[in-house]
PDB file of N, CA and C in Angstrom:
ATOM      1  N   UNK A   1     163.856 173.805 185.085  1.00  0.00           N
ATOM      2  CA  UNK A   1     162.845 174.192 184.750  1.00  0.00           C
ATOM      3  C   UNK A   1     162.529 175.445 184.168  1.00  0.00           C
ATOM      4  N   UNK A   2     162.964 176.761 184.277  1.00  0.00           N
ATOM      5  CA  UNK A   2     162.869 177.783 183.822  1.00  0.00           C
ATOM      6  C   UNK A   2     163.022 177.961 182.469  1.00  0.00           C
ATOM      7  N   UNK A   3     164.279 177.609 182.159  1.00  0.00           N
ATOM      8  CA  UNK A   3     164.647 177.744 180.649  1.00  0.00           C
ATOM      9  C   UNK A   3     163.761 176.958 179.641  1.00  0.00           C
ATOM     10  N   UNK A   4     163.192 175.603 180.322  1.00  0.00           N
ATOM     11  CA  UNK A   4     162.227 175.228 179.344  1.00  0.00           C
ATOM     12  C   UNK A   4     161.026 175.841 179.359  1.00  0.00           C
ATOM     13  N   UNK A   5     160.808 176.558 180.206  1.00  0.00           N
ATOM     14  CA  UNK A   5     159.150 177.389 180.192  1.00  0.00           C
ATOM     15  C   UNK A   5     159.440 178.497 179.250  1.00  0.00           C
ATOM     16  N   UNK A   6     160.662 178.920 179.540  1.00  0.00           N
ATOM     17  CA  UNK A   6     160.765 180.063 178.493  1.00  0.00           C
ATOM     18  C   UNK A   6     160.968 179.607 177.293  1.00  0.00           C
ATOM     19  N   UNK A   7     161.727 178.888 177.387  1.00  0.00           N
ATOM     20  CA  UNK A   7     162.253 178.204 175.602  1.00  0.00           C
ATOM     21  C   UNK A   7     160.730 177.808 175.009  1.00  0.00           C
ATOM     22  N   UNK A   8     159.629 177.539 175.396  1.00  0.00           N
ATOM     23  CA  UNK A   8     158.319 177.067 175.226  1.00  0.00           C
ATOM     24  C   UNK A   8     157.684 178.493 174.720  1.00  0.00           C
ATOM     25  N   UNK A   9     157.621 179.541 175.614  1.00  0.00           N
ATOM     26  CA  UNK A   9     156.689 180.356 175.662  1.00  0.00           C
ATOM     27  C   UNK A   9     157.293 181.131 174.639  1.00  0.00           C
ATOM     28  N   UNK A  10     158.420 181.250 174.081  1.00  0.00           N
ATOM     29  CA  UNK A  10     159.169 182.136 173.175  1.00  0.00           C
ATOM     30  C   UNK A  10     158.691 181.498 171.833  1.00  0.00           C
ATOM     31  N   UNK A  11     158.800 179.863 172.096  1.00  0.00           N
ATOM     32  CA  UNK A  11     158.395 179.333 170.671  1.00  0.00           C
ATOM     33  C   UNK A  11     156.880 179.805 170.381  1.00  0.00           C
ATOM     34  N   UNK A  12     156.046 179.317 171.237  1.00  0.00           N
ATOM     35  CA  UNK A  12     154.773 179.714 171.098  1.00  0.00           C
ATOM     36  C   UNK A  12     154.329 181.634 170.679  1.00  0.00           C
ATOM     37  N   UNK A  13     155.135 182.105 171.331  1.00  0.00           N
ATOM     38  CA  UNK A  13     154.562 183.216 170.950  1.00  0.00           C
ATOM     39  C   UNK A  13     155.020 184.117 170.193  1.00  0.00           C
ATOM     40  N   UNK A  14     156.621 183.351 169.691  1.00  0.00           N
ATOM     41  CA  UNK A  14     157.603 183.924 168.651  1.00  0.00           C
ATOM     42  C   UNK A  14     158.133 185.426 169.132  1.00  0.00           C
ATOM     43  N   UNK A  15     158.654 185.573 170.193  1.00  0.00           N
ATOM     44  CA  UNK A  15     159.379 186.367 170.933  1.00  0.00           C
ATOM     45  C   UNK A  15     160.627 185.868 171.308  1.00  0.00           C
ATOM     46  N   UNK A  16     161.550 186.618 171.339  1.00  0.00           N
ATOM     47  CA  UNK A  16     162.782 186.112 171.925  1.00  0.00           C
ATOM     48  C   UNK A  16     163.007 185.679 173.423  1.00  0.00           C
ATOM     49  N   UNK A  17     163.236 184.191 173.449  1.00  0.00           N
ATOM     50  CA  UNK A  17     163.571 183.809 175.025  1.00  0.00           C
ATOM     51  C   UNK A  17     163.911 185.100 175.977  1.00  0.00           C
ATOM     52  N   UNK A  18     164.793 185.539 175.492  1.00  0.00           N
ATOM     53  CA  UNK A  18     165.432 186.741 176.605  1.00  0.00           C
ATOM     54  C   UNK A  18     164.234 187.787 176.886  1.00  0.00           C
ATOM     55  N   UNK A  19     163.078 188.055 176.224  1.00  0.00           N
ATOM     56  CA  UNK A  19     162.177 188.713 176.558  1.00  0.00           C
ATOM     57  C   UNK A  19     160.927 188.155 177.303  1.00  0.00           C
ATOM     58  N   UNK A  20     161.243 186.902 177.681  1.00  0.00           N
ATOM     59  CA  UNK A  20     160.413 186.271 178.694  1.00  0.00           C
ATOM     60  C   UNK A  20     160.845 186.239 179.948  1.00  0.00           C
ATOM     61  N   UNK A  21     159.877 187.395 180.980  1.00  0.00           N
ATOM     62  CA  UNK A  21     160.522 187.461 182.221  1.00  0.00           C
ATOM     63  C   UNK A  21     159.202 187.766 183.343  1.00  0.00           C
ATOM     64  N   UNK A  22     159.593 187.477 184.480  1.00  0.00           N
ATOM     65  CA  UNK A  22     158.741 188.041 185.287  1.00  0.00           C
ATOM     66  C   UNK A  22     157.664 189.019 185.171  1.00  0.00           C
ATOM     67  N   UNK A  23     157.586 189.961 184.416  1.00  0.00           N
ATOM     68  CA  UNK A  23     156.356 190.793 183.800  1.00  0.00           C
ATOM     69  C   UNK A  23     155.777 190.320 182.573  1.00  0.00           C
ATOM     70  N   UNK A  24     156.286 188.776 182.044  1.00  0.00           N
ATOM     71  CA  UNK A  24     155.443 188.609 181.233  1.00  0.00           C
ATOM     72  C   UNK A  24     153.996 187.942 181.109  1.00  0.00           C
ATOM     73  N   UNK A  25     153.054 188.458 180.589  1.00  0.00           N
ATOM     74  CA  UNK A  25     151.958 187.918 180.915  1.00  0.00           C
ATOM     75  C   UNK A  25     150.762 188.133 179.716  1.00  0.00           C
ATOM     76  N   UNK A  26     149.789 187.707 179.864  1.00  0.00           N
ATOM     77  CA  UNK A  26     148.586 187.784 178.863  1.00  0.00           C
ATOM     78  C   UNK A  26     148.603 189.318 178.479  1.00  0.00           C
ATOM     79  N   UNK A  27     148.830 190.178 179.275  1.00  0.00           N
ATOM     80  CA  UNK A  27     148.566 191.819 179.357  1.00  0.00           C
ATOM     81  C   UNK A  27     149.769 192.332 178.459  1.00  0.00           C
ATOM     82  N   UNK A  28     150.727 191.943 178.730  1.00  0.00           N
ATOM     83  CA  UNK A  28     152.081 192.489 177.969  1.00  0.00           C
ATOM     84  C   UNK A  28     152.582 191.697 177.066  1.00  0.00           C
ATOM     85  N   UNK A  29     152.037 190.541 176.250  1.00  0.00           N
ATOM     86  CA  UNK A  29     152.422 190.480 174.990  1.00  0.00           C
ATOM     87  C   UNK A  29     151.044 190.354 174.071  1.00  0.00           C
ATOM     88  N   UNK A  30     151.238 190.754 173.010  1.00  0.00           N
ATOM     89  CA  UNK A  30     149.995 191.228 172.366  1.00  0.00           C
ATOM     90  C   UNK A  30     149.586 189.715 171.692  1.00  0.00           C
ATOM     91  N   UNK A  31     150.631 188.876 171.460  1.00  0.00           N
ATOM     92  CA  UNK A  31     150.377 187.767 170.597  1.00  0.00           C
ATOM     93  C   UNK A  31     149.801 186.790 171.605  1.00  0.00           C
ATOM     94  N   UNK A  32     149.688 187.071 172.962  1.00  0.00           N
ATOM     95  CA  UNK A  32     148.920 185.937 173.943  1.00  0.00           C
ATOM     96  C   UNK A  32     147.218 186.102 173.904  1.00  0.00           C
ATOM     97  N   UNK A  33     146.901 185.567 172.968  1.00  0.00           N
ATOM     98  CA  UNK A  33     145.516 185.683 172.645  1.00  0.00           C
ATOM     99  C   UNK A  33     144.908 183.947 172.782  1.00  0.00           C
ATOM    100  N   UNK A  34     143.756 183.698 172.754  1.00  0.00           N
ATOM    101  CA  UNK A  34     143.272 182.524 173.306  1.00  0.00           C
ATOM    102  C   UNK A  34     143.928 181.193 172.594  1.00  0.00           C
ATOM    103  N   UNK A  35     144.073 181.281 171.394  1.00  0.00           N
ATOM    104  CA  UNK A  35     144.406 180.511 170.432  1.00  0.00           C
ATOM    105  C   UNK A  35     145.748 179.949 170.796  1.00  0.00           C
ATOM    106  N   UNK A  36     147.129 181.029 171.265  1.00  0.00           N
ATOM    107  CA  UNK A  36     148.078 180.713 171.562  1.00  0.00           C
ATOM    108  C   UNK A  36     147.964 180.462 173.293  1.00  0.00           C
ATOM    109  N   UNK A  37     147.213 180.871 174.040  1.00  0.00           N
ATOM    110  CA  UNK A  37     147.205 180.059 175.198  1.00  0.00           C
ATOM    111  C   UNK A  37     146.958 178.593 175.127  1.00  0.00           C
ATOM    112  N   UNK A  38     146.005 178.166 174.386  1.00  0.00           N
ATOM    113  CA  UNK A  38     145.799 176.668 174.599  1.00  0.00           C
ATOM    114  C   UNK A  38     147.332 176.100 174.061  1.00  0.00           C
ATOM    115  N   UNK A  39     147.572 176.648 172.908  1.00  0.00           N
ATOM    116  CA  UNK A  39     148.918 176.024 172.154  1.00  0.00           C
ATOM    117  C   UNK A  39     150.191 175.798 173.508  1.00  0.00           C
ATOM    118  N   UNK A  40     150.215 177.245 174.344  1.00  0.00           N
ATOM    119  CA  UNK A  40     150.960 176.926 175.280  1.00  0.00           C
ATOM    120  C   UNK A  40     150.723 175.649 176.140  1.00  0.00           C
ATOM    121  N   UNK A  41     149.112 175.986 176.860  1.00  0.00           N
ATOM    122  CA  UNK A  41     149.216 174.789 177.483  1.00  0.00           C
ATOM    123  C   UNK A  41     149.234 173.390 177.105  1.00  0.00           C
ATOM    124  N   UNK A  42     148.749 173.259 175.761  1.00  0.00           N
ATOM    125  CA  UNK A  42     149.535 171.778 175.086  1.00  0.00           C
ATOM    126  C   UNK A  42     150.991 171.689 175.420  1.00  0.00           C
ATOM    127  N   UNK A  43     151.274 172.377 174.768  1.00  0.00           N
ATOM    128  CA  UNK A  43     153.620 172.356 174.969  1.00  0.00           C
ATOM    129  C   UNK A  43     153.729 172.106 176.306  1.00  0.00           C
ATOM    130  N   UNK A  44     153.267 172.774 176.596  1.00  0.00           N
ATOM    131  CA  UNK A  44     153.778 172.397 178.497  1.00  0.00           C
ATOM    132  C   UNK A  44     153.061 171.175 178.934  1.00  0.00           C
ATOM    133  N   UNK A  45     152.364 170.815 178.813  1.00  0.00           N
ATOM    134  CA  UNK A  45     151.372 169.530 179.345  1.00  0.00           C
ATOM    135  C   UNK A  45     152.544 168.090 178.662  1.00  0.00           C
ATOM    136  N   UNK A  46     152.850 168.381 177.604  1.00  0.00           N
ATOM    137  CA  UNK A  46     153.548 167.759 176.807  1.00  0.00           C
ATOM    138  C   UNK A  46     154.967 167.597 177.141  1.00  0.00           C
ATOM    139  N   UNK A  47     155.837 168.601 177.567  1.00  0.00           N
ATOM    140  CA  UNK A  47     156.928 168.740 177.923  1.00  0.00           C
ATOM    141  C   UNK A  47     157.250 168.186 179.324  1.00  0.00           C
ATOM    142  N   UNK A  48     156.105 168.662 180.025  1.00  0.00           N
ATOM    143  CA  UNK A  48     156.563 168.198 181.457  1.00  0.00           C
ATOM    144  C   UNK A  48     155.581 167.112 181.773  1.00  0.00           C
ATOM    145  N   UNK A  49     154.919 166.206 181.118  1.00  0.00           N
ATOM    146  CA  UNK A  49     154.066 164.980 181.284  1.00  0.00           C
ATOM    147  C   UNK A  49     153.035 165.267 182.567  1.00  0.00           C
ATOM    148  N   UNK A  50     152.597 166.526 182.346  1.00  0.00           N
ATOM    149  CA  UNK A  50     151.233 166.862 183.306  1.00  0.00           C
ATOM    150  C   UNK A  50     150.052 167.142 182.815  1.00  0.00           C
ATOM    151  N   UNK A  51     148.774 167.086 182.893  1.00  0.00           N
ATOM    152  CA  UNK A  51     147.495 167.797 182.614  1.00  0.00           C
ATOM    153  C   UNK A  51     146.935 168.248 183.621  1.00  0.00           C
ATOM    154  N   UNK A  52     146.576 169.689 183.175  1.00  0.00           N
ATOM    155  CA  UNK A  52     146.235 170.748 183.676  1.00  0.00           C
ATOM    156  C   UNK A  52     144.862 170.986 183.829  1.00  0.00           C
ATOM    157  N   UNK A  53     144.493 171.212 185.338  1.00  0.00           N
ATOM    158  CA  UNK A  53     142.898 171.031 185.354  1.00  0.00           C
ATOM    159  C   UNK A  53     141.988 172.265 184.676  1.00  0.00           C
ATOM    160  N   UNK A  54     140.732 172.419 184.589  1.00  0.00           N
ATOM    161  CA  UNK A  54     140.354 173.560 183.847  1.00  0.00           C
ATOM    162  C   UNK A  54     140.703 174.932 184.629  1.00  0.00           C
ATOM    163  N   UNK A  55     140.577 174.901 186.250  1.00  0.00           N
ATOM    164  CA  UNK A  55     141.200 176.037 186.985  1.00  0.00           C
ATOM    165  C   UNK A  55     142.250 176.488 186.661  1.00  0.00           C
ATOM    166  N   UNK A  56     143.355 175.455 186.477  1.00  0.00           N
ATOM    167  CA  UNK A  56     144.505 175.693 186.278  1.00  0.00           C
ATOM    168  C   UNK A  56     145.135 176.448 184.867  1.00  0.00           C
ATOM    169  N   UNK A  57     144.367 175.830 183.917  1.00  0.00           N
ATOM    170  CA  UNK A  57     144.204 176.452 182.822  1.00  0.00           C
ATOM    171  C   UNK A  57     143.818 177.827 182.433  1.00  0.00           C
ATOM    172  N   UNK A  58     142.944 178.260 183.144  1.00  0.00           N
ATOM    173  CA  UNK A  58     142.510 179.838 183.575  1.00  0.00           C
ATOM    174  C   UNK A  58     143.587 180.570 184.362  1.00  0.00           C
ATOM    175  N   UNK A  59     144.309 179.774 185.174  1.00  0.00           N
ATOM    176  CA  UNK A  59     145.327 180.695 185.954  1.00  0.00           C
ATOM    177  C   UNK A  59     146.401 180.696 185.263  1.00  0.00           C
ATOM    178  N   UNK A  60     147.043 180.000 184.236  1.00  0.00           N
ATOM    179  CA  UNK A  60     147.963 180.446 183.699  1.00  0.00           C
ATOM    180  C   UNK A  60     148.040 181.289 182.584  1.00  0.00           C
ATOM    181  N   UNK A  61     148.264 182.579 183.268  1.00  0.00           N
ATOM    182  CA  UNK A  61     148.286 184.011 182.712  1.00  0.00           C
ATOM    183  C   UNK A  61     149.567 184.658 182.583  1.00  0.00           C
ATOM    184  N   UNK A  62     150.595 184.453 183.136  1.00  0.00           N
ATOM    185  CA  UNK A  62     151.441 185.139 183.037  1.00  0.00           C
ATOM    186  C   UNK A  62     152.955 183.982 183.298  1.00  0.00           C
ATOM    187  N   UNK A  63     153.884 184.634 183.048  1.00  0.00           N
ATOM    188  CA  UNK A  63     155.216 183.791 183.440  1.00  0.00           C
ATOM    189  C   UNK A  63     155.461 183.109 184.777  1.00  0.00           C
ATOM    190  N   UNK A  64     155.175 183.980 185.579  1.00  0.00           N
ATOM    191  CA  UNK A  64     155.238 183.716 187.088  1.00  0.00           C
ATOM    192  C   UNK A  64     154.415 182.532 187.655  1.00  0.00           C
ATOM    193  N   UNK A  65     153.135 182.539 187.086  1.00  0.00           N
ATOM    194  CA  UNK A  65     152.299 181.697 187.552  1.00  0.00           C
ATOM    195  C   UNK A  65     152.412 180.479 186.827  1.00  0.00           C
ATOM    196  N   UNK A  66     152.944 180.393 185.815  1.00  0.00           N
ATOM    197  CA  UNK A  66     153.155 179.228 184.742  1.00  0.00           C
ATOM    198  C   UNK A  66     154.183 178.464 185.531  1.00  0.00           C
ATOM    199  N   UNK A  67     155.263 179.120 186.043  1.00  0.00           N
ATOM    200  CA  UNK A  67     156.371 178.716 186.872  1.00  0.00           C
ATOM    201  C   UNK A  67     155.483 178.284 188.039  1.00  0.00           C
ATOM    202  N   UNK A  68     154.711 178.756 188.760  1.00  0.00           N
ATOM    203  CA  UNK A  68     154.509 178.270 190.220  1.00  0.00           C
ATOM    204  C   UNK A  68     153.600 176.913 190.061  1.00  0.00           C
ATOM    205  N   UNK A  69     152.429 176.893 188.912  1.00  0.00           N
ATOM    206  CA  UNK A  69     151.968 176.366 188.787  1.00  0.00           C
ATOM    207  C   UNK A  69     152.602 174.744 188.428  1.00  0.00           C
ATOM    208  N   UNK A  70     153.446 174.764 187.180  1.00  0.00           N
ATOM    209  CA  UNK A  70     154.252 174.162 187.299  1.00  0.00           C
ATOM    210  C   UNK A  70     155.081 173.197 188.050  1.00  0.00           C
ATOM    211  N   UNK A  71     155.564 174.116 188.793  1.00  0.00           N
ATOM    212  CA  UNK A  71     156.521 173.373 190.241  1.00  0.00           C
ATOM    213  C   UNK A  71     155.919 172.827 190.996  1.00  0.00           C
ATOM    214  N   UNK A  72     154.439 173.379 191.502  1.00  0.00           N
ATOM    215  CA  UNK A  72     153.713 172.699 192.509  1.00  0.00           C
ATOM    216  C   UNK A  72     153.256 171.324 191.535  1.00  0.00           C
ATOM    217  N   UNK A  73     152.773 171.252 190.635  1.00  0.00           N
ATOM    218  CA  UNK A  73     152.303 170.090 189.913  1.00  0.00           C
ATOM    219  C   UNK A  73     153.871 168.570 189.810  1.00  0.00           C
ATOM    220  N   UNK A  74     154.531 169.390 189.398  1.00  0.00           N
ATOM    221  CA  UNK A  74     156.123 168.563 189.260  1.00  0.00           C
ATOM    222  C   UNK A  74     156.728 168.026 190.448  1.00  0.00           C
ATOM    223  N   UNK A  75     156.506 168.991 191.561  1.00  0.00           N
ATOM    224  CA  UNK A  75     157.238 168.909 192.464  1.00  0.00           C
ATOM    225  C   UNK A  75     158.393 169.361 192.796  1.00  0.00           C
ATOM    226  N   UNK A  76     158.807 170.154 191.617  1.00  0.00           N
ATOM    227  CA  UNK A  76     159.967 170.756 191.322  1.00  0.00           C
ATOM    228  C   UNK A  76     160.245 172.109 192.076  1.00  0.00           C
ATOM    229  N   UNK A  77     161.231 172.370 192.928  1.00  0.00           N
ATOM    230  CA  UNK A  77     161.267 173.504 193.415  1.00  0.00           C
ATOM    231  C   UNK A  77     162.022 174.839 192.451  1.00  0.00           C
ATOM    232  N   UNK A  78     161.164 175.769 193.131  1.00  0.00           N
ATOM    233  CA  UNK A  78     161.475 177.010 191.955  1.00  0.00           C
ATOM    234  C   UNK A  78     162.942 177.693 192.828  1.00  0.00           C
ATOM    235  N   UNK A  79     163.317 178.450 191.778  1.00  0.00           N
ATOM    236  CA  UNK A  79     164.878 178.683 192.240  1.00  0.00           C
ATOM    237  C   UNK A  79     164.581 180.214 193.075  1.00  0.00           C
TER     238      UNK A  79
END
């Protein structure tokens, strides 16, 4: 799951997959604006077959939070 999330974030934000880590957030990535945020949400929903609530969309502001929320939604334990 983590590799899929990192691959998606890499593609959406146009950064190397290796640069996506526990510190990656809307505050550390200049490319993470409102449009790219919605692209990320859409890509995650399509890849994982989930639908995020409005409050979840507002919370998806960092790689760790994306991982946490997706783990909860899919029932997949985090490593």
